[in-house]
Amino acid sequence: MDSPLARLRPICLAYPEAAERGGQHAQFSVRGRTFAYYTDDHHGDGMRALSCKAAPGAQEVLVASSPGRFFVPPYLGPRGWVGLRLDLEAVDWDEVARLVDESYRLVAPKSLLRALPPVR
């Protein structure tokens, strides 16, 4: 079975000019602006997780809808980012892809967004 990072990496790197830095913890960015983090036992929290920038209000809605899966990530949470656990038995990778897509679109330059298909 693939690790969560191995599953996440091609989702994040499919975007124009997306780049990865890191090892156990990975940072995905576009032109120096981060749109996703993968963390593995960050500060001993015992979780493998994705953190993404979210549209205003989305963090609260997601965490309230499924607090066992979504969480407010340390450091980034006050800026509206949302965390999603990737270490649970059933991960919806389509949902992961949607979160990454939204986050990329929130941080990428408009010139790169023109190359993407419209959001459905």
PDB file of N, CA and C in Angstrom:
ATOM      1  N   MET A   1       0.839  -1.174   0.000  1.00  0.00           N
ATOM      2  CA  MET A   1       0.000   0.000   0.000  1.00  0.00           C
ATOM      3  C   MET A   1       0.893   1.250   0.000  1.00  0.00           C
ATOM      4  N   ASP A   2       0.515   2.248  -0.789  1.00  0.00           N
ATOM      5  CA  ASP A   2       1.272   3.489  -0.857  1.00  0.00           C
ATOM      6  C   ASP A   2       1.121   4.285   0.428  1.00  0.00           C
ATOM      7  N   SER A   3       2.163   5.015   0.772  1.00  0.00           N
ATOM      8  CA  SER A   3       2.077   5.903   1.922  1.00  0.00           C
ATOM      9  C   SER A   3       1.200   7.097   1.547  1.00  0.00           C
ATOM     10  N   PRO A   4       0.645   7.789   2.538  1.00  0.00           N
ATOM     11  CA  PRO A   4      -0.162   8.978   2.219  1.00  0.00           C
ATOM     12  C   PRO A   4       0.617  10.009   1.394  1.00  0.00           C
ATOM     13  N   LEU A   5       1.897  10.202   1.711  1.00  0.00           N
ATOM     14  CA  LEU A   5       2.682  11.172   0.944  1.00  0.00           C
ATOM     15  C   LEU A   5       2.851  10.720  -0.499  1.00  0.00           C
ATOM     16  N   ALA A   6       3.044   9.437  -0.710  1.00  0.00           N
ATOM     17  CA  ALA A   6       3.174   8.928  -2.079  1.00  0.00           C
ATOM     18  C   ALA A   6       1.883   9.132  -2.869  1.00  0.00           C
ATOM     19  N   ARG A   7       0.748   9.059  -2.206  1.00  0.00           N
ATOM     20  CA  ARG A   7      -0.551   9.312  -2.872  1.00  0.00           C
ATOM     21  C   ARG A   7      -0.774  10.805  -3.087  1.00  0.00           C
ATOM     22  N   LEU A   8      -0.335  11.626  -2.133  1.00  0.00           N
ATOM     23  CA  LEU A   8      -0.550  13.072  -2.189  1.00  0.00           C
ATOM     24  C   LEU A   8       0.353  13.755  -3.215  1.00  0.00           C
ATOM     25  N   ARG A   9       1.578  13.304  -3.309  1.00  0.00           N
ATOM     26  CA  ARG A   9       2.582  13.959  -4.163  1.00  0.00           C
ATOM     27  C   ARG A   9       2.099  14.181  -5.598  1.00  0.00           C
ATOM     28  N   PRO A  10       1.601  13.171  -6.322  1.00  0.00           N
ATOM     29  CA  PRO A  10       1.182  13.435  -7.702  1.00  0.00           C
ATOM     30  C   PRO A  10      -0.023  14.362  -7.804  1.00  0.00           C
ATOM     31  N   ILE A  11      -0.867  14.390  -6.793  1.00  0.00           N
ATOM     32  CA  ILE A  11      -1.994  15.320  -6.789  1.00  0.00           C
ATOM     33  C   ILE A  11      -1.466  16.746  -6.754  1.00  0.00           C
ATOM     34  N   CYS A  12      -0.535  17.009  -5.848  1.00  0.00           N
ATOM     35  CA  CYS A  12       0.000  18.365  -5.688  1.00  0.00           C
ATOM     36  C   CYS A  12       0.888  18.785  -6.849  1.00  0.00           C
ATOM     37  N   LEU A  13       1.699  17.866  -7.340  1.00  0.00           N
ATOM     38  CA  LEU A  13       2.658  18.235  -8.373  1.00  0.00           C
ATOM     39  C   LEU A  13       2.063  18.282  -9.777  1.00  0.00           C
ATOM     40  N   ALA A  14       0.787  17.971  -9.919  1.00  0.00           N
ATOM     41  CA  ALA A  14       0.125  18.041 -11.217  1.00  0.00           C
ATOM     42  C   ALA A  14      -0.170  19.480 -11.642  1.00  0.00           C
ATOM     43  N   TYR A  15      -0.035  20.414 -10.739  1.00  0.00           N
ATOM     44  CA  TYR A  15      -0.369  21.815 -11.022  1.00  0.00           C
ATOM     45  C   TYR A  15       0.806  22.550 -11.648  1.00  0.00           C
ATOM     46  N   PRO A  16       0.502  23.541 -12.492  1.00  0.00           N
ATOM     47  CA  PRO A  16       1.580  24.305 -13.139  1.00  0.00           C
ATOM     48  C   PRO A  16       2.549  24.897 -12.119  1.00  0.00           C
ATOM     49  N   GLU A  17       3.823  24.647 -12.364  1.00  0.00           N
ATOM     50  CA  GLU A  17       4.938  25.172 -11.578  1.00  0.00           C
ATOM     51  C   GLU A  17       4.926  24.749 -10.108  1.00  0.00           C
ATOM     52  N   ALA A  18       4.181  23.712  -9.772  1.00  0.00           N
ATOM     53  CA  ALA A  18       4.180  23.217  -8.392  1.00  0.00           C
ATOM     54  C   ALA A  18       5.531  22.590  -8.086  1.00  0.00           C
ATOM     55  N   ALA A  19       5.986  22.810  -6.850  1.00  0.00           N
ATOM     56  CA  ALA A  19       7.279  22.276  -6.417  1.00  0.00           C
ATOM     57  C   ALA A  19       7.130  21.699  -5.022  1.00  0.00           C
ATOM     58  N   GLU A  20       8.019  20.770  -4.706  1.00  0.00           N
ATOM     59  CA  GLU A  20       8.005  20.121  -3.391  1.00  0.00           C
ATOM     60  C   GLU A  20       9.338  20.352  -2.698  1.00  0.00           C
ATOM     61  N   ARG A  21       9.264  20.608  -1.396  1.00  0.00           N
ATOM     62  CA  ARG A  21      10.449  20.659  -0.537  1.00  0.00           C
ATOM     63  C   ARG A  21      10.174  19.818   0.687  1.00  0.00           C
ATOM     64  N   GLY A  22      11.246  19.262   1.250  1.00  0.00           N
ATOM     65  CA  GLY A  22      11.091  18.528   2.500  1.00  0.00           C
ATOM     66  C   GLY A  22      11.288  17.046   2.339  1.00  0.00           C
ATOM     67  N   GLY A  23      11.078  16.343   3.433  1.00  0.00           N
ATOM     68  CA  GLY A  23      11.241  14.899   3.454  1.00  0.00           C
ATOM     69  C   GLY A  23      10.065  14.276   4.165  1.00  0.00           C
ATOM     70  N   GLN A  24      10.235  14.013   5.466  1.00  0.00           N
ATOM     71  CA  GLN A  24       9.146  13.439   6.268  1.00  0.00           C
ATOM     72  C   GLN A  24       7.949  14.388   6.273  1.00  0.00           C
ATOM     73  N   HIS A  25       8.232  15.667   6.320  1.00  0.00           N
ATOM     74  CA  HIS A  25       7.209  16.705   6.187  1.00  0.00           C
ATOM     75  C   HIS A  25       7.454  17.364   4.836  1.00  0.00           C
ATOM     76  N   ALA A  26       6.446  17.463   4.011  1.00  0.00           N
ATOM     77  CA  ALA A  26       6.618  18.023   2.675  1.00  0.00           C
ATOM     78  C   ALA A  26       5.822  19.317   2.538  1.00  0.00           C
ATOM     79  N   GLN A  27       6.410  20.241   1.818  1.00  0.00           N
ATOM     80  CA  GLN A  27       5.774  21.525   1.538  1.00  0.00           C
ATOM     81  C   GLN A  27       5.602  21.618   0.021  1.00  0.00           C
ATOM     82  N   PHE A  28       4.395  21.919  -0.421  1.00  0.00           N
ATOM     83  CA  PHE A  28       4.110  22.076  -1.838  1.00  0.00           C
ATOM     84  C   PHE A  28       3.805  23.541  -2.097  1.00  0.00           C
ATOM     85  N   SER A  29       4.490  24.104  -3.088  1.00  0.00           N
ATOM     86  CA  SER A  29       4.346  25.531  -3.333  1.00  0.00           C
ATOM     87  C   SER A  29       4.335  25.828  -4.822  1.00  0.00           C
ATOM     88  N   VAL A  30       3.922  27.050  -5.121  1.00  0.00           N
ATOM     89  CA  VAL A  30       3.952  27.563  -6.477  1.00  0.00           C
ATOM     90  C   VAL A  30       4.544  28.972  -6.403  1.00  0.00           C
ATOM     91  N   ARG A  31       5.636  29.169  -7.111  1.00  0.00           N
ATOM     92  CA  ARG A  31       6.341  30.451  -7.114  1.00  0.00           C
ATOM     93  C   ARG A  31       6.557  30.994  -5.702  1.00  0.00           C
ATOM     94  N   GLY A  32       6.982  30.112  -4.815  1.00  0.00           N
ATOM     95  CA  GLY A  32       7.320  30.517  -3.463  1.00  0.00           C
ATOM     96  C   GLY A  32       6.153  30.656  -2.504  1.00  0.00           C
ATOM     97  N   ARG A  33       4.942  30.393  -2.953  1.00  0.00           N
ATOM     98  CA  ARG A  33       3.758  30.484  -2.088  1.00  0.00           C
ATOM     99  C   ARG A  33       3.239  29.074  -1.818  1.00  0.00           C
ATOM    100  N   THR A  34       3.175  28.716  -0.555  1.00  0.00           N
ATOM    101  CA  THR A  34       2.770  27.366  -0.166  1.00  0.00           C
ATOM    102  C   THR A  34       1.265  27.182  -0.296  1.00  0.00           C
ATOM    103  N   PHE A  35       0.888  26.029  -0.879  1.00  0.00           N
ATOM    104  CA  PHE A  35      -0.540  25.710  -0.970  1.00  0.00           C
ATOM    105  C   PHE A  35      -0.882  24.418  -0.230  1.00  0.00           C
ATOM    106  N   ALA A  36       0.106  23.636   0.191  1.00  0.00           N
ATOM    107  CA  ALA A  36      -0.188  22.410   0.943  1.00  0.00           C
ATOM    108  C   ALA A  36       1.036  21.965   1.730  1.00  0.00           C
ATOM    109  N   TYR A  37       0.760  21.376   2.877  1.00  0.00           N
ATOM    110  CA  TYR A  37       1.783  20.738   3.696  1.00  0.00           C
ATOM    111  C   TYR A  37       1.335  19.317   3.996  1.00  0.00           C
ATOM    112  N   TYR A  38       2.289  18.398   3.971  1.00  0.00           N
ATOM    113  CA  TYR A  38       2.066  17.051   4.466  1.00  0.00           C
ATOM    114  C   TYR A  38       2.898  16.937   5.731  1.00  0.00           C
ATOM    115  N   THR A  39       2.284  16.504   6.811  1.00  0.00           N
ATOM    116  CA  THR A  39       3.011  16.324   8.063  1.00  0.00           C
ATOM    117  C   THR A  39       2.842  14.890   8.554  1.00  0.00           C
ATOM    118  N   ASP A  40       3.893  14.406   9.200  1.00  0.00           N
ATOM    119  CA  ASP A  40       3.907  13.050   9.746  1.00  0.00           C
ATOM    120  C   ASP A  40       4.370  13.150  11.195  1.00  0.00           C
ATOM    121  N   ASP A  41       3.433  13.015  12.118  1.00  0.00           N
ATOM    122  CA  ASP A  41       3.713  13.092  13.549  1.00  0.00           C
ATOM    123  C   ASP A  41       4.316  14.452  13.921  1.00  0.00           C
ATOM    124  N   HIS A  42       3.682  15.505  13.411  1.00  0.00           N
ATOM    125  CA  HIS A  42       4.145  16.874  13.647  1.00  0.00           C
ATOM    126  C   HIS A  42       4.099  17.203  15.130  1.00  0.00           C
ATOM    127  N   HIS A  43       5.234  17.499  15.716  1.00  0.00           N
ATOM    128  CA  HIS A  43       5.360  17.794  17.150  1.00  0.00           C
ATOM    129  C   HIS A  43       4.725  16.708  18.016  1.00  0.00           C
ATOM    130  N   GLY A  44       4.807  15.457  17.559  1.00  0.00           N
ATOM    131  CA  GLY A  44       4.313  14.335  18.337  1.00  0.00           C
ATOM    132  C   GLY A  44       2.801  14.188  18.371  1.00  0.00           C
ATOM    133  N   ASP A  45       2.091  14.758  17.376  1.00  0.00           N
ATOM    134  CA  ASP A  45       0.626  14.655  17.385  1.00  0.00           C
ATOM    135  C   ASP A  45       0.123  13.282  16.949  1.00  0.00           C
ATOM    136  N   GLY A  46       1.013  12.418  16.419  1.00  0.00           N
ATOM    137  CA  GLY A  46       0.627  11.065  16.039  1.00  0.00           C
ATOM    138  C   GLY A  46      -0.172  10.963  14.758  1.00  0.00           C
ATOM    139  N   MET A  47      -0.292  12.049  13.991  1.00  0.00           N
ATOM    140  CA  MET A  47      -1.109  12.046  12.781  1.00  0.00           C
ATOM    141  C   MET A  47      -0.252  12.192  11.523  1.00  0.00           C
ATOM    142  N   ARG A  48      -0.742  11.615  10.446  1.00  0.00           N
ATOM    143  CA  ARG A  48      -0.278  11.949   9.102  1.00  0.00           C
ATOM    144  C   ARG A  48      -1.402  12.776   8.519  1.00  0.00           C
ATOM    145  N   ALA A  49      -1.061  13.964   8.044  1.00  0.00           N
ATOM    146  CA  ALA A  49      -2.134  14.870   7.654  1.00  0.00           C
ATOM    147  C   ALA A  49      -1.720  15.804   6.524  1.00  0.00           C
ATOM    148  N   LEU A  50      -2.727  16.345   5.897  1.00  0.00           N
ATOM    149  CA  LEU A  50      -2.613  17.383   4.878  1.00  0.00           C
ATOM    150  C   LEU A  50      -3.152  18.666   5.482  1.00  0.00           C
ATOM    151  N   SER A  51      -2.453  19.772   5.266  1.00  0.00           N
ATOM    152  CA  SER A  51      -2.974  21.090   5.627  1.00  0.00           C
ATOM    153  C   SER A  51      -3.005  21.929   4.363  1.00  0.00           C
ATOM    154  N   CYS A  52      -4.144  22.592   4.142  1.00  0.00           N
ATOM    155  CA  CYS A  52      -4.351  23.404   2.943  1.00  0.00           C
ATOM    156  C   CYS A  52      -4.978  24.735   3.303  1.00  0.00           C
ATOM    157  N   LYS A  53      -4.693  25.721   2.482  1.00  0.00           N
ATOM    158  CA  LYS A  53      -5.376  26.996   2.597  1.00  0.00           C
ATOM    159  C   LYS A  53      -6.829  26.753   2.201  1.00  0.00           C
ATOM    160  N   ALA A  54      -7.744  27.387   2.916  1.00  0.00           N
ATOM    161  CA  ALA A  54      -9.173  27.196   2.632  1.00  0.00           C
ATOM    162  C   ALA A  54      -9.835  28.551   2.417  1.00  0.00           C
ATOM    163  N   ALA A  55     -10.903  28.546   1.674  1.00  0.00           N
ATOM    164  CA  ALA A  55     -11.671  29.768   1.445  1.00  0.00           C
ATOM    165  C   ALA A  55     -12.226  30.266   2.782  1.00  0.00           C
ATOM    166  N   PRO A  56     -12.468  31.568   2.892  1.00  0.00           N
ATOM    167  CA  PRO A  56     -13.018  32.094   4.144  1.00  0.00           C
ATOM    168  C   PRO A  56     -14.275  31.332   4.577  1.00  0.00           C
ATOM    169  N   GLY A  57     -14.284  30.894   5.831  1.00  0.00           N
ATOM    170  CA  GLY A  57     -15.417  30.174   6.401  1.00  0.00           C
ATOM    171  C   GLY A  57     -15.389  28.674   6.207  1.00  0.00           C
ATOM    172  N   ALA A  58     -14.581  28.183   5.268  1.00  0.00           N
ATOM    173  CA  ALA A  58     -14.572  26.751   4.968  1.00  0.00           C
ATOM    174  C   ALA A  58     -13.997  25.933   6.125  1.00  0.00           C
ATOM    175  N   GLN A  59     -12.974  26.445   6.785  1.00  0.00           N
ATOM    176  CA  GLN A  59     -12.363  25.716   7.896  1.00  0.00           C
ATOM    177  C   GLN A  59     -13.410  25.365   8.946  1.00  0.00           C
ATOM    178  N   GLU A  60     -14.192  26.341   9.357  1.00  0.00           N
ATOM    179  CA  GLU A  60     -15.192  26.127  10.393  1.00  0.00           C
ATOM    180  C   GLU A  60     -16.232  25.097   9.957  1.00  0.00           C
ATOM    181  N   VAL A  61     -16.669  25.195   8.720  1.00  0.00           N
ATOM    182  CA  VAL A  61     -17.680  24.271   8.204  1.00  0.00           C
ATOM    183  C   VAL A  61     -17.135  22.845   8.160  1.00  0.00           C
ATOM    184  N   LEU A  62     -15.938  22.673   7.638  1.00  0.00           N
ATOM    185  CA  LEU A  62     -15.357  21.333   7.514  1.00  0.00           C
ATOM    186  C   LEU A  62     -15.093  20.698   8.877  1.00  0.00           C
ATOM    187  N   VAL A  63     -14.500  21.455   9.788  1.00  0.00           N
ATOM    188  CA  VAL A  63     -14.194  20.906  11.109  1.00  0.00           C
ATOM    189  C   VAL A  63     -15.477  20.542  11.847  1.00  0.00           C
ATOM    190  N   ALA A  64     -16.496  21.384  11.748  1.00  0.00           N
ATOM    191  CA  ALA A  64     -17.771  21.094  12.409  1.00  0.00           C
ATOM    192  C   ALA A  64     -18.465  19.889  11.781  1.00  0.00           C
ATOM    193  N   SER A  65     -18.311  19.706  10.471  1.00  0.00           N
ATOM    194  CA  SER A  65     -19.007  18.608   9.783  1.00  0.00           C
ATOM    195  C   SER A  65     -18.399  17.243  10.086  1.00  0.00           C
ATOM    196  N   SER A  66     -17.086  17.216  10.334  1.00  0.00           N
ATOM    197  CA  SER A  66     -16.427  15.925  10.564  1.00  0.00           C
ATOM    198  C   SER A  66     -15.168  16.130  11.410  1.00  0.00           C
ATOM    199  N   PRO A  67     -15.343  16.393  12.705  1.00  0.00           N
ATOM    200  CA  PRO A  67     -14.187  16.698  13.557  1.00  0.00           C
ATOM    201  C   PRO A  67     -13.215  15.539  13.743  1.00  0.00           C
ATOM    202  N   GLY A  68     -13.596  14.342  13.396  1.00  0.00           N
ATOM    203  CA  GLY A  68     -12.668  13.219  13.472  1.00  0.00           C
ATOM    204  C   GLY A  68     -11.695  13.174  12.305  1.00  0.00           C
ATOM    205  N   ARG A  69     -12.068  13.840  11.210  1.00  0.00           N
ATOM    206  CA  ARG A  69     -11.216  13.865  10.022  1.00  0.00           C
ATOM    207  C   ARG A  69     -10.543  15.212   9.828  1.00  0.00           C
ATOM    208  N   PHE A  70     -11.303  16.278  10.020  1.00  0.00           N
ATOM    209  CA  PHE A  70     -10.777  17.632   9.820  1.00  0.00           C
ATOM    210  C   PHE A  70     -10.374  18.235  11.156  1.00  0.00           C
ATOM    211  N   PHE A  71      -9.383  19.130  11.119  1.00  0.00           N
ATOM    212  CA  PHE A  71      -8.927  19.800  12.327  1.00  0.00           C
ATOM    213  C   PHE A  71      -8.325  21.152  11.964  1.00  0.00           C
ATOM    214  N   VAL A  72      -8.143  21.972  12.981  1.00  0.00           N
ATOM    215  CA  VAL A  72      -7.493  23.260  12.805  1.00  0.00           C
ATOM    216  C   VAL A  72      -5.998  23.031  13.032  1.00  0.00           C
ATOM    217  N   PRO A  73      -5.182  23.185  11.991  1.00  0.00           N
ATOM    218  CA  PRO A  73      -3.760  22.897  12.143  1.00  0.00           C
ATOM    219  C   PRO A  73      -3.040  23.962  12.965  1.00  0.00           C
ATOM    220  N   PRO A  74      -2.053  23.539  13.758  1.00  0.00           N
ATOM    221  CA  PRO A  74      -1.289  24.517  14.520  1.00  0.00           C
ATOM    222  C   PRO A  74      -0.587  25.498  13.578  1.00  0.00           C
ATOM    223  N   TYR A  75      -0.395  26.701  14.049  1.00  0.00           N
ATOM    224  CA  TYR A  75       0.283  27.784  13.332  1.00  0.00           C
ATOM    225  C   TYR A  75      -0.538  28.332  12.164  1.00  0.00           C
ATOM    226  N   LEU A  76      -1.049  27.483  11.309  1.00  0.00           N
ATOM    227  CA  LEU A  76      -1.759  27.920  10.112  1.00  0.00           C
ATOM    228  C   LEU A  76      -3.255  28.088  10.327  1.00  0.00           C
ATOM    229  N   GLY A  77      -3.794  27.409  11.320  1.00  0.00           N
ATOM    230  CA  GLY A  77      -5.228  27.458  11.588  1.00  0.00           C
ATOM    231  C   GLY A  77      -5.777  28.862  11.752  1.00  0.00           C
ATOM    232  N   PRO A  78      -5.108  29.734  12.512  1.00  0.00           N
ATOM    233  CA  PRO A  78      -5.633  31.097  12.664  1.00  0.00           C
ATOM    234  C   PRO A  78      -5.708  31.878  11.353  1.00  0.00           C
ATOM    235  N   ARG A  79      -5.004  31.403  10.335  1.00  0.00           N
ATOM    236  CA  ARG A  79      -5.055  32.065   9.021  1.00  0.00           C
ATOM    237  C   ARG A  79      -6.035  31.367   8.074  1.00  0.00           C
ATOM    238  N   GLY A  80      -6.892  30.494   8.631  1.00  0.00           N
ATOM    239  CA  GLY A  80      -7.947  29.882   7.834  1.00  0.00           C
ATOM    240  C   GLY A  80      -7.593  28.560   7.181  1.00  0.00           C
ATOM    241  N   TRP A  81      -6.403  28.036   7.425  1.00  0.00           N
ATOM    242  CA  TRP A  81      -6.042  26.748   6.841  1.00  0.00           C
ATOM    243  C   TRP A  81      -6.793  25.634   7.556  1.00  0.00           C
ATOM    244  N   VAL A  82      -6.980  24.519   6.852  1.00  0.00           N
ATOM    245  CA  VAL A  82      -7.681  23.372   7.423  1.00  0.00           C
ATOM    246  C   VAL A  82      -6.798  22.135   7.288  1.00  0.00           C
ATOM    247  N   GLY A  83      -6.866  21.262   8.287  1.00  0.00           N
ATOM    248  CA  GLY A  83      -6.133  20.011   8.254  1.00  0.00           C
ATOM    249  C   GLY A  83      -7.077  18.852   7.991  1.00  0.00           C
ATOM    250  N   LEU A  84      -6.571  17.836   7.281  1.00  0.00           N
ATOM    251  CA  LEU A  84      -7.328  16.622   7.001  1.00  0.00           C
ATOM    252  C   LEU A  84      -6.425  15.435   7.310  1.00  0.00           C
ATOM    253  N   ARG A  85      -6.921  14.540   8.147  1.00  0.00           N
ATOM    254  CA  ARG A  85      -6.140  13.348   8.497  1.00  0.00           C
ATOM    255  C   ARG A  85      -6.053  12.400   7.310  1.00  0.00           C
ATOM    256  N   LEU A  86      -4.847  11.931   7.054  1.00  0.00           N
ATOM    257  CA  LEU A  86      -4.612  10.971   5.975  1.00  0.00           C
ATOM    258  C   LEU A  86      -4.225   9.602   6.510  1.00  0.00           C
ATOM    259  N   ASP A  87      -4.316   9.436   7.827  1.00  0.00           N
ATOM    260  CA  ASP A  87      -3.927   8.174   8.452  1.00  0.00           C
ATOM    261  C   ASP A  87      -5.123   7.352   8.916  1.00  0.00           C
ATOM    262  N   LEU A  88      -6.297   7.751   8.520  1.00  0.00           N
ATOM    263  CA  LEU A  88      -7.494   7.004   8.896  1.00  0.00           C
ATOM    264  C   LEU A  88      -7.701   5.852   7.921  1.00  0.00           C
ATOM    265  N   GLU A  89      -8.535   4.912   8.312  1.00  0.00           N
ATOM    266  CA  GLU A  89      -8.738   3.718   7.496  1.00  0.00           C
ATOM    267  C   GLU A  89      -9.261   4.047   6.098  1.00  0.00           C
ATOM    268  N   ALA A  90     -10.197   4.955   6.006  1.00  0.00           N
ATOM    269  CA  ALA A  90     -10.775   5.308   4.707  1.00  0.00           C
ATOM    270  C   ALA A  90     -10.512   6.788   4.419  1.00  0.00           C
ATOM    271  N   VAL A  91      -9.661   7.049   3.438  1.00  0.00           N
ATOM    272  CA  VAL A  91      -9.377   8.411   2.999  1.00  0.00           C
ATOM    273  C   VAL A  91     -10.039   8.602   1.647  1.00  0.00           C
ATOM    274  N   ASP A  92     -10.802   9.660   1.501  1.00  0.00           N
ATOM    275  CA  ASP A  92     -11.448   9.987   0.231  1.00  0.00           C
ATOM    276  C   ASP A  92     -10.456  10.822  -0.577  1.00  0.00           C
ATOM    277  N   TRP A  93      -9.739  10.179  -1.487  1.00  0.00           N
ATOM    278  CA  TRP A  93      -8.700  10.870  -2.245  1.00  0.00           C
ATOM    279  C   TRP A  93      -9.270  11.866  -3.240  1.00  0.00           C
ATOM    280  N   ASP A  94     -10.519  11.712  -3.634  1.00  0.00           N
ATOM    281  CA  ASP A  94     -11.170  12.743  -4.452  1.00  0.00           C
ATOM    282  C   ASP A  94     -11.357  14.016  -3.620  1.00  0.00           C
ATOM    283  N   GLU A  95     -11.711  13.842  -2.365  1.00  0.00           N
ATOM    284  CA  GLU A  95     -11.851  14.979  -1.460  1.00  0.00           C
ATOM    285  C   GLU A  95     -10.497  15.654  -1.249  1.00  0.00           C
ATOM    286  N   VAL A  96      -9.459  14.865  -1.079  1.00  0.00           N
ATOM    287  CA  VAL A  96      -8.105  15.409  -0.942  1.00  0.00           C
ATOM    288  C   VAL A  96      -7.772  16.255  -2.169  1.00  0.00           C
ATOM    289  N   ALA A  97      -8.046  15.729  -3.348  1.00  0.00           N
ATOM    290  CA  ALA A  97      -7.758  16.447  -4.591  1.00  0.00           C
ATOM    291  C   ALA A  97      -8.540  17.757  -4.667  1.00  0.00           C
ATOM    292  N   ARG A  98      -9.784  17.760  -4.211  1.00  0.00           N
ATOM    293  CA  ARG A  98     -10.576  18.998  -4.224  1.00  0.00           C
ATOM    294  C   ARG A  98      -9.985  20.037  -3.277  1.00  0.00           C
ATOM    295  N   LEU A  99      -9.559  19.602  -2.092  1.00  0.00           N
ATOM    296  CA  LEU A  99      -8.952  20.535  -1.139  1.00  0.00           C
ATOM    297  C   LEU A  99      -7.660  21.120  -1.693  1.00  0.00           C
ATOM    298  N   VAL A 100      -6.829  20.286  -2.292  1.00  0.00           N
ATOM    299  CA  VAL A 100      -5.578  20.762  -2.884  1.00  0.00           C
ATOM    300  C   VAL A 100      -5.876  21.726  -4.024  1.00  0.00           C
ATOM    301  N   ASP A 101      -6.855  21.396  -4.850  1.00  0.00           N
ATOM    302  CA  ASP A 101      -7.221  22.263  -5.971  1.00  0.00           C
ATOM    303  C   ASP A 101      -7.645  23.646  -5.475  1.00  0.00           C
ATOM    304  N   GLU A 102      -8.511  23.677  -4.491  1.00  0.00           N
ATOM    305  CA  GLU A 102      -8.966  24.964  -3.966  1.00  0.00           C
ATOM    306  C   GLU A 102      -7.795  25.758  -3.399  1.00  0.00           C
ATOM    307  N   SER A 103      -6.929  25.100  -2.661  1.00  0.00           N
ATOM    308  CA  SER A 103      -5.799  25.775  -2.055  1.00  0.00           C
ATOM    309  C   SER A 103      -4.852  26.334  -3.125  1.00  0.00           C
ATOM    310  N   TYR A 104      -4.551  25.526  -4.132  1.00  0.00           N
ATOM    311  CA  TYR A 104      -3.686  25.995  -5.217  1.00  0.00           C
ATOM    312  C   TYR A 104      -4.292  27.236  -5.866  1.00  0.00           C
ATOM    313  N   ARG A 105      -5.579  27.185  -6.137  1.00  0.00           N
ATOM    314  CA  ARG A 105      -6.247  28.315  -6.800  1.00  0.00           C
ATOM    315  C   ARG A 105      -6.256  29.574  -5.925  1.00  0.00           C
ATOM    316  N   LEU A 106      -6.214  29.397  -4.611  1.00  0.00           N
ATOM    317  CA  LEU A 106      -6.191  30.544  -3.715  1.00  0.00           C
ATOM    318  C   LEU A 106      -4.818  31.221  -3.657  1.00  0.00           C
ATOM    319  N   VAL A 107      -3.753  30.484  -3.945  1.00  0.00           N
ATOM    320  CA  VAL A 107      -2.410  31.069  -3.812  1.00  0.00           C
ATOM    321  C   VAL A 107      -1.670  31.291  -5.128  1.00  0.00           C
ATOM    322  N   ALA A 108      -2.021  30.585  -6.182  1.00  0.00           N
ATOM    323  CA  ALA A 108      -1.280  30.679  -7.445  1.00  0.00           C
ATOM    324  C   ALA A 108      -1.537  32.015  -8.142  1.00  0.00           C
ATOM    325  N   PRO A 109      -0.547  32.487  -8.883  1.00  0.00           N
ATOM    326  CA  PRO A 109      -0.746  33.696  -9.683  1.00  0.00           C
ATOM    327  C   PRO A 109      -1.837  33.483 -10.732  1.00  0.00           C
ATOM    328  N   LYS A 110      -2.555  34.538 -11.036  1.00  0.00           N
ATOM    329  CA  LYS A 110      -3.656  34.443 -12.003  1.00  0.00           C
ATOM    330  C   LYS A 110      -3.178  33.944 -13.363  1.00  0.00           C
ATOM    331  N   SER A 111      -1.956  34.282 -13.727  1.00  0.00           N
ATOM    332  CA  SER A 111      -1.444  33.834 -15.027  1.00  0.00           C
ATOM    333  C   SER A 111      -1.381  32.307 -15.103  1.00  0.00           C
ATOM    334  N   LEU A 112      -1.119  31.638 -13.993  1.00  0.00           N
ATOM    335  CA  LEU A 112      -1.093  30.174 -13.984  1.00  0.00           C
ATOM    336  C   LEU A 112      -2.500  29.585 -13.905  1.00  0.00           C
ATOM    337  N   LEU A 113      -3.406  30.294 -13.283  1.00  0.00           N
ATOM    338  CA  LEU A 113      -4.777  29.786 -13.166  1.00  0.00           C
ATOM    339  C   LEU A 113      -5.474  29.697 -14.514  1.00  0.00           C
ATOM    340  N   ARG A 114      -5.074  30.532 -15.448  1.00  0.00           N
ATOM    341  CA  ARG A 114      -5.680  30.504 -16.785  1.00  0.00           C
ATOM    342  C   ARG A 114      -5.460  29.169 -17.482  1.00  0.00           C
ATOM    343  N   ALA A 115      -4.414  28.444 -17.094  1.00  0.00           N
ATOM    344  CA  ALA A 115      -4.108  27.153 -17.708  1.00  0.00           C
ATOM    345  C   ALA A 115      -4.947  26.017 -17.135  1.00  0.00           C
ATOM    346  N   LEU A 116      -5.649  26.296 -16.041  1.00  0.00           N
ATOM    347  CA  LEU A 116      -6.444  25.245 -15.386  1.00  0.00           C
ATOM    348  C   LEU A 116      -7.857  25.217 -15.934  1.00  0.00           C
ATOM    349  N   PRO A 117      -8.479  24.041 -15.915  1.00  0.00           N
ATOM    350  CA  PRO A 117      -9.887  23.988 -16.296  1.00  0.00           C
ATOM    351  C   PRO A 117     -10.713  24.711 -15.235  1.00  0.00           C
ATOM    352  N   PRO A 118     -11.876  25.235 -15.602  1.00  0.00           N
ATOM    353  CA  PRO A 118     -12.715  25.925 -14.611  1.00  0.00           C
ATOM    354  C   PRO A 118     -13.185  24.953 -13.516  1.00  0.00           C
ATOM    355  N   VAL A 119     -13.440  25.504 -12.350  1.00  0.00           N
ATOM    356  CA  VAL A 119     -13.942  24.693 -11.237  1.00  0.00           C
ATOM    357  C   VAL A 119     -15.371  24.315 -11.548  1.00  0.00           C
ATOM    358  N   ARG A 120     -15.706  23.054 -11.257  1.00  0.00           N
ATOM    359  CA  ARG A 120     -17.085  22.581 -11.504  1.00  0.00           C
ATOM    360  C   ARG A 120     -17.867  22.597 -10.242  1.00  0.00           C
TER     361      ARG A 120
END
